[in-house]
């Protein structure tokens, strides 16, 4: 398609030359989810080998993917996000958020989800999914850490919108209660540890914001920052926009020692009940 002269200096128009193709966007979505090999990409997207080869070539030429050799005989490559590709992850998550709200939903701004919604179906389909290799997030203990504790037989991974936030009027349904949730996990921490279960909390707040909260509340478990939306993209987690940024909706994943999601709690409406249920479910994995 021929571009107008004014488009030569328009960032939107130039980005559209990379993202303006349905298949290109879906390829990037799957790479962000950890499907980085040709056969896995073809299976997830349902593309012919010819079309997928063409799209991968375009994305490599555009500088958003690079090829990494993982097998010599026969030659096989993984397709990895470059820095430019990684910078597209927030855009992919924003596209998903827009689609969930305005195409799949009725336009309502909410921090929760209806049990008949596409978000509900997508999140509950995570059961059996393994978290991608190498995924790490900045943490309150000064180092990037995986969302799942490598030395635990089970991890309870919970996402929440954020603590210490003035949501404004009217309040966003389902967005409050984050401090209560963290306090309940804090109080139950000895029971989780006694059961051999780790706990990790994730929000899109910055690390220093999480660290201030962790110090003030004496949070004993790790809080991780998904401000770059890598976890949201990897698992296609539901989000909403509040107080100026995209935020995770509240959910709980119970993950085993092999990084496979075994149980999903979403939406989380009864916070005390969900914390207790996550302990029960995670404990059952440890003592099988």
Protein backbone atom coordinates (compact mmCIF):
# COMPACT_ATOMS: atom_id res chain seq x y z
CA UNK A 1 0.00 0.00 0.00
CA UNK A 2 1.34 3.38 -1.00
CA UNK A 3 2.01 5.78 1.88
CA UNK A 4 1.14 9.47 1.85
CA UNK A 5 4.12 11.80 2.06
CA UNK A 6 2.98 13.02 5.49
CA UNK A 7 3.22 9.45 6.77
CA UNK A 8 6.99 9.50 6.45
CA UNK A 9 7.23 11.42 9.72
CA UNK A 10 4.24 9.78 11.44
CA UNK A 11 5.14 7.18 14.07
CA UNK A 12 1.68 5.60 13.90
CA UNK A 13 1.95 5.09 10.15
CA UNK A 14 5.46 3.67 10.43
CA UNK A 15 4.44 1.29 13.22
CA UNK A 16 1.50 0.16 11.09
CA UNK A 17 3.94 -1.03 8.43
CA UNK A 18 5.17 -3.57 10.99
CA UNK A 19 1.95 -4.30 12.92
CA UNK A 20 -0.65 -3.56 10.26
CA UNK A 21 -0.96 -7.22 9.31
CA UNK A 22 -3.23 -9.64 11.23
CA UNK A 23 -0.67 -12.46 11.11
CA UNK A 24 2.25 -10.30 12.20
CA UNK A 25 0.39 -9.30 15.35
CA UNK A 26 -0.52 -12.90 16.17
CA UNK A 27 3.05 -14.08 15.61
CA UNK A 28 4.29 -11.44 18.06
CA UNK A 29 1.56 -12.43 20.51
CA UNK A 30 2.71 -16.05 20.45
CA UNK A 31 6.41 -15.24 20.73
CA UNK A 32 5.58 -13.10 23.79
CA UNK A 33 3.79 -16.16 25.20
CA UNK A 34 6.97 -18.23 24.85
CA UNK A 35 6.13 -20.07 21.62
CA UNK A 36 9.40 -19.32 19.87
CA UNK A 37 9.91 -22.33 17.59
CA UNK A 38 8.46 -22.68 14.11
CA UNK A 39 6.29 -25.74 14.71
CA UNK A 40 4.88 -24.32 17.96
CA UNK A 41 4.03 -21.04 16.23
CA UNK A 42 2.36 -22.83 13.34
CA UNK A 43 0.30 -24.97 15.72
CA UNK A 44 -0.82 -22.08 17.92
CA UNK A 45 -1.78 -19.73 15.09
CA UNK A 46 -2.94 -22.24 12.49
CA UNK A 47 -0.80 -20.80 9.71
CA UNK A 48 0.57 -22.69 6.72
CA UNK A 49 4.34 -23.14 6.74
CA UNK A 50 4.67 -20.92 3.67
CA UNK A 51 2.76 -17.98 5.15
CA UNK A 52 4.45 -18.33 8.56
CA UNK A 53 7.91 -18.38 6.93
CA UNK A 54 7.02 -15.20 5.06
CA UNK A 55 5.72 -13.41 8.17
CA UNK A 56 8.71 -14.42 10.29
CA UNK A 57 11.02 -13.15 7.57
CA UNK A 58 9.24 -9.79 7.55
CA UNK A 59 9.43 -9.44 11.33
CA UNK A 60 13.12 -10.32 11.37
CA UNK A 61 13.74 -7.80 8.57
CA UNK A 62 11.79 -5.18 10.55
CA UNK A 63 14.09 -5.72 13.54
CA UNK A 64 11.47 -6.88 16.05
CA UNK A 65 12.49 -10.56 15.95
CA UNK A 66 15.87 -12.23 15.67
CA UNK A 67 16.77 -15.82 14.86
CA UNK A 68 18.74 -17.93 17.35
CA UNK A 69 20.15 -21.31 16.30
CA UNK A 70 19.16 -24.15 18.63
CA UNK A 71 19.81 -27.18 16.39
CA UNK A 72 22.41 -27.75 13.66
CA UNK A 73 21.28 -31.00 12.01
CA UNK A 74 18.87 -30.14 10.57
CA UNK A 75 19.23 -26.41 11.09
CA UNK A 76 16.49 -25.06 13.36
CA UNK A 77 15.98 -21.58 14.81
CA UNK A 78 14.09 -19.99 17.66
CA UNK A 79 12.52 -16.60 17.01
CA UNK A 80 13.15 -14.20 19.88
CA UNK A 81 12.03 -10.66 20.58
CA UNK A 82 14.68 -8.00 20.07
CA UNK A 83 14.72 -4.87 22.22
CA UNK A 84 12.42 -3.28 19.63
CA UNK A 85 10.12 -6.31 19.81
CA UNK A 86 10.07 -6.32 23.60
CA UNK A 87 9.04 -2.66 23.48
CA UNK A 88 5.89 -3.75 21.62
CA UNK A 89 4.65 -5.91 24.52
CA UNK A 90 2.79 -3.05 26.28
CA UNK A 91 1.08 -2.29 22.98
CA UNK A 92 -0.05 -5.92 22.62
CA UNK A 93 -1.43 -5.90 26.16
CA UNK A 94 -3.19 -2.58 25.52
CA UNK A 95 -4.75 -4.09 22.38
CA UNK A 96 -5.98 -7.06 24.41
CA UNK A 97 -7.39 -4.76 27.09
CA UNK A 98 -9.22 -2.71 24.45
CA UNK A 99 -10.58 -5.84 22.78
CA UNK A 100 -11.73 -7.34 26.08
CA UNK A 101 -13.58 -4.17 27.03
CA UNK A 102 -14.94 -2.78 23.78
CA UNK A 103 -15.22 -5.77 21.41
CA UNK A 104 -15.74 -8.79 23.67
CA UNK A 105 -17.35 -6.74 26.46
CA UNK A 106 -19.94 -3.99 26.74
CA UNK A 107 -17.51 -1.13 27.40
CA UNK A 108 -17.84 -1.25 31.19
CA UNK A 109 -14.67 -0.38 33.11
CA UNK A 110 -14.25 -3.01 35.78
CA UNK A 111 -11.52 -4.63 37.84
CA UNK A 112 -13.29 -7.99 37.83
CA UNK A 113 -15.04 -10.18 35.26
CA UNK A 114 -18.33 -11.96 34.66
CA UNK A 115 -18.26 -15.74 34.67
CA UNK A 116 -19.69 -15.72 31.14
CA UNK A 117 -17.00 -13.37 29.79
CA UNK A 118 -14.21 -14.12 27.34
CA UNK A 119 -11.70 -13.11 30.04
CA UNK A 120 -13.09 -15.77 32.36
CA UNK A 121 -12.83 -18.45 29.67
CA UNK A 122 -9.30 -17.38 28.68
CA UNK A 123 -7.98 -17.32 32.26
CA UNK A 124 -9.48 -20.68 33.20
CA UNK A 125 -7.99 -22.19 30.03
CA UNK A 126 -4.56 -21.54 31.61
CA UNK A 127 -4.91 -24.78 33.58
CA UNK A 128 -2.22 -27.10 32.22
CA UNK A 129 -0.17 -24.24 30.71
CA UNK A 130 3.52 -23.97 31.62
CA UNK A 131 4.97 -20.55 32.28
CA UNK A 132 7.61 -19.65 29.65
CA UNK A 133 11.25 -20.52 30.25
CA UNK A 134 13.44 -17.62 31.32
CA UNK A 135 10.62 -15.28 32.34
CA UNK A 136 11.79 -13.09 35.23
CA UNK A 137 10.34 -9.93 36.78
CA UNK A 138 11.94 -7.24 38.96
CA UNK A 139 11.33 -7.99 42.63
CA UNK A 140 11.28 -6.23 45.96
CA UNK A 141 14.34 -8.16 47.10
CA UNK A 142 16.62 -6.38 44.67
CA UNK A 143 16.88 -8.94 41.87
CA UNK A 144 14.79 -10.17 38.98
CA UNK A 145 13.08 -13.42 39.93
CA UNK A 146 10.88 -15.98 38.15
CA UNK A 147 7.15 -15.80 38.94
CA UNK A 148 7.37 -19.36 40.27
CA UNK A 149 9.77 -20.25 43.07
CA UNK A 150 12.28 -22.77 41.63
CA UNK A 151 12.79 -24.56 44.97
CA UNK A 152 9.11 -24.95 45.92
CA UNK A 153 6.83 -27.87 45.11
CA UNK A 154 4.02 -25.37 44.56
CA UNK A 155 3.68 -21.61 44.24
CA UNK A 156 0.61 -19.45 44.74
CA UNK A 157 0.95 -16.61 42.25
CA UNK A 158 -1.57 -13.84 42.75
CA UNK A 159 -2.04 -10.69 40.69
CA UNK A 160 -3.69 -7.56 42.04
CA UNK A 161 -4.39 -4.02 40.75
CA UNK A 162 -2.17 -2.13 43.21
CA UNK A 163 -1.86 -0.87 46.76
CA UNK A 164 -2.11 2.67 48.10
CA UNK A 165 -3.97 4.02 45.05
CA UNK A 166 -6.64 6.70 45.00
CA UNK A 167 -9.03 5.26 42.45
CA UNK A 168 -11.23 8.34 42.29
CA UNK A 169 -15.00 8.58 41.99
CA UNK A 170 -16.86 6.49 41.18
CA UNK A 171 -14.78 3.53 42.36
CA UNK A 172 -13.92 0.84 39.81
CA UNK A 173 -15.80 -2.38 40.64
CA UNK A 174 -13.46 -5.12 41.83
CA UNK A 175 -10.40 -2.88 42.04
CA UNK A 176 -10.22 -2.32 45.78
CA UNK A 177 -9.06 -4.69 48.51
CA UNK A 178 -5.42 -5.09 47.45
CA UNK A 179 -4.04 -4.15 50.87
CA UNK A 180 -6.47 -6.56 52.53
CA UNK A 181 -5.40 -9.35 50.17
CA UNK A 182 -1.71 -8.82 50.91
CA UNK A 183 -2.39 -8.71 54.64
CA UNK A 184 -4.32 -11.98 54.47
CA UNK A 185 -1.50 -13.67 52.59
CA UNK A 186 0.93 -12.20 55.14
CA UNK A 187 -1.09 -13.61 58.03
CA UNK A 188 -1.32 -17.01 56.35
CA UNK A 189 2.37 -17.05 55.37
CA UNK A 190 3.44 -19.41 58.20
CA UNK A 191 0.79 -21.90 57.03
CA UNK A 192 1.98 -21.66 53.42
CA UNK A 193 5.60 -22.21 54.46
CA UNK A 194 4.67 -25.11 56.71
CA UNK A 195 2.92 -26.69 53.72
CA UNK A 196 6.00 -26.19 51.52
CA UNK A 197 4.25 -23.60 49.37
CA UNK A 198 5.72 -20.29 48.20
CA UNK A 199 3.69 -17.13 47.57
CA UNK A 200 4.44 -14.40 45.04
CA UNK A 201 2.37 -11.30 44.39
CA UNK A 202 2.40 -9.39 41.11
CA UNK A 203 1.14 -5.95 40.15
CA UNK A 204 2.03 -3.44 37.45
CA UNK A 205 3.28 -0.98 40.06
CA UNK A 206 6.94 0.00 39.96
CA UNK A 207 9.40 -1.87 42.16
CA UNK A 208 10.01 1.09 44.46
CA UNK A 209 6.25 1.46 45.01
CA UNK A 210 5.99 -2.21 45.90
CA UNK A 211 9.07 -2.02 48.14
CA UNK A 212 7.62 0.86 50.13
CA UNK A 213 4.43 -1.10 50.67
CA UNK A 214 6.32 -4.29 51.56
CA UNK A 215 8.35 -2.44 54.21
CA UNK A 216 5.33 -0.68 55.68
CA UNK A 217 3.25 -3.86 55.83
CA UNK A 218 6.13 -6.23 56.63
CA UNK A 219 5.25 -8.44 53.67
CA UNK A 220 7.29 -11.66 54.07
CA UNK A 221 6.93 -12.99 50.52
CA UNK A 222 8.20 -11.61 47.21
CA UNK A 223 6.34 -8.91 45.30
CA UNK A 224 7.13 -8.71 41.59
CA UNK A 225 6.64 -5.81 39.21
CA UNK A 226 4.99 -6.45 35.85
CA UNK A 227 5.23 -2.80 34.85
CA UNK A 228 6.62 -3.93 31.47
CA UNK A 229 3.61 -6.31 31.07
CA UNK A 230 5.74 -9.37 30.27
CA UNK A 231 3.71 -11.68 32.51
CA UNK A 232 0.44 -10.21 31.26
CA UNK A 233 1.51 -10.91 27.67
CA UNK A 234 2.92 -14.36 28.42
CA UNK A 235 -0.34 -15.57 30.00
CA UNK A 236 -2.78 -13.15 28.30
CA UNK A 237 -3.91 -12.00 31.73
CA UNK A 238 -6.91 -9.65 32.00
CA UNK A 239 -6.21 -6.01 32.73
CA UNK A 240 -8.05 -2.72 33.14
CA UNK A 241 -6.95 0.90 33.05
CA UNK A 242 -7.06 2.71 36.39
CA UNK A 243 -5.20 5.68 37.87
CA UNK A 244 -3.29 6.21 34.66
CA UNK A 245 -1.93 2.74 33.92
CA UNK A 246 -2.94 -0.75 32.89
CA UNK A 247 -3.42 -2.92 35.96
CA UNK A 248 -3.90 -6.62 36.55
CA UNK A 249 -7.30 -7.85 37.51
CA UNK A 250 -7.25 -9.88 40.71
CA UNK A 251 -6.67 -13.60 40.16
CA UNK A 252 -4.81 -16.48 41.76
CA UNK A 253 -2.85 -19.21 39.99
CA UNK A 254 -1.67 -22.33 41.78
CA UNK A 255 1.46 -23.51 39.96
CA UNK A 256 3.38 -26.75 40.48
CA UNK A 257 7.14 -27.28 40.65
CA UNK A 258 7.32 -27.78 36.87
CA UNK A 259 5.87 -24.28 36.30
CA UNK A 260 2.53 -25.70 35.12
CA UNK A 261 -0.68 -23.95 36.18
CA UNK A 262 -2.77 -26.49 38.07
CA UNK A 263 -5.60 -24.39 39.49
CA UNK A 264 -7.14 -21.01 38.64
CA UNK A 265 -9.19 -18.76 40.91
CA UNK A 266 -10.87 -16.01 38.89
CA UNK A 267 -12.65 -13.77 39.44
CA UNK A 268 -11.65 -13.32 43.08
CA UNK A 269 -14.62 -11.78 44.87
CA UNK A 270 -14.35 -13.39 48.31
CA UNK A 271 -10.74 -12.49 49.12
CA UNK A 272 -10.45 -14.32 52.48
CA UNK A 273 -12.05 -17.41 50.97
CA UNK A 274 -9.73 -17.31 47.94
CA UNK A 275 -6.60 -17.06 50.10
CA UNK A 276 -7.72 -20.07 52.15
CA UNK A 277 -8.66 -22.02 49.01
CA UNK A 278 -5.30 -21.31 47.38
CA UNK A 279 -3.55 -22.73 50.45
CA UNK A 280 -5.68 -25.85 50.31
CA UNK A 281 -5.14 -26.38 46.60
CA UNK A 282 -1.39 -25.73 46.71
CA UNK A 283 -0.99 -27.95 49.75
CA UNK A 284 -2.70 -30.80 47.93
CA UNK A 285 -0.04 -30.59 45.20
CA UNK A 286 2.79 -30.83 47.71
CA UNK A 287 1.39 -33.84 49.53
CA UNK A 288 0.25 -35.92 46.55
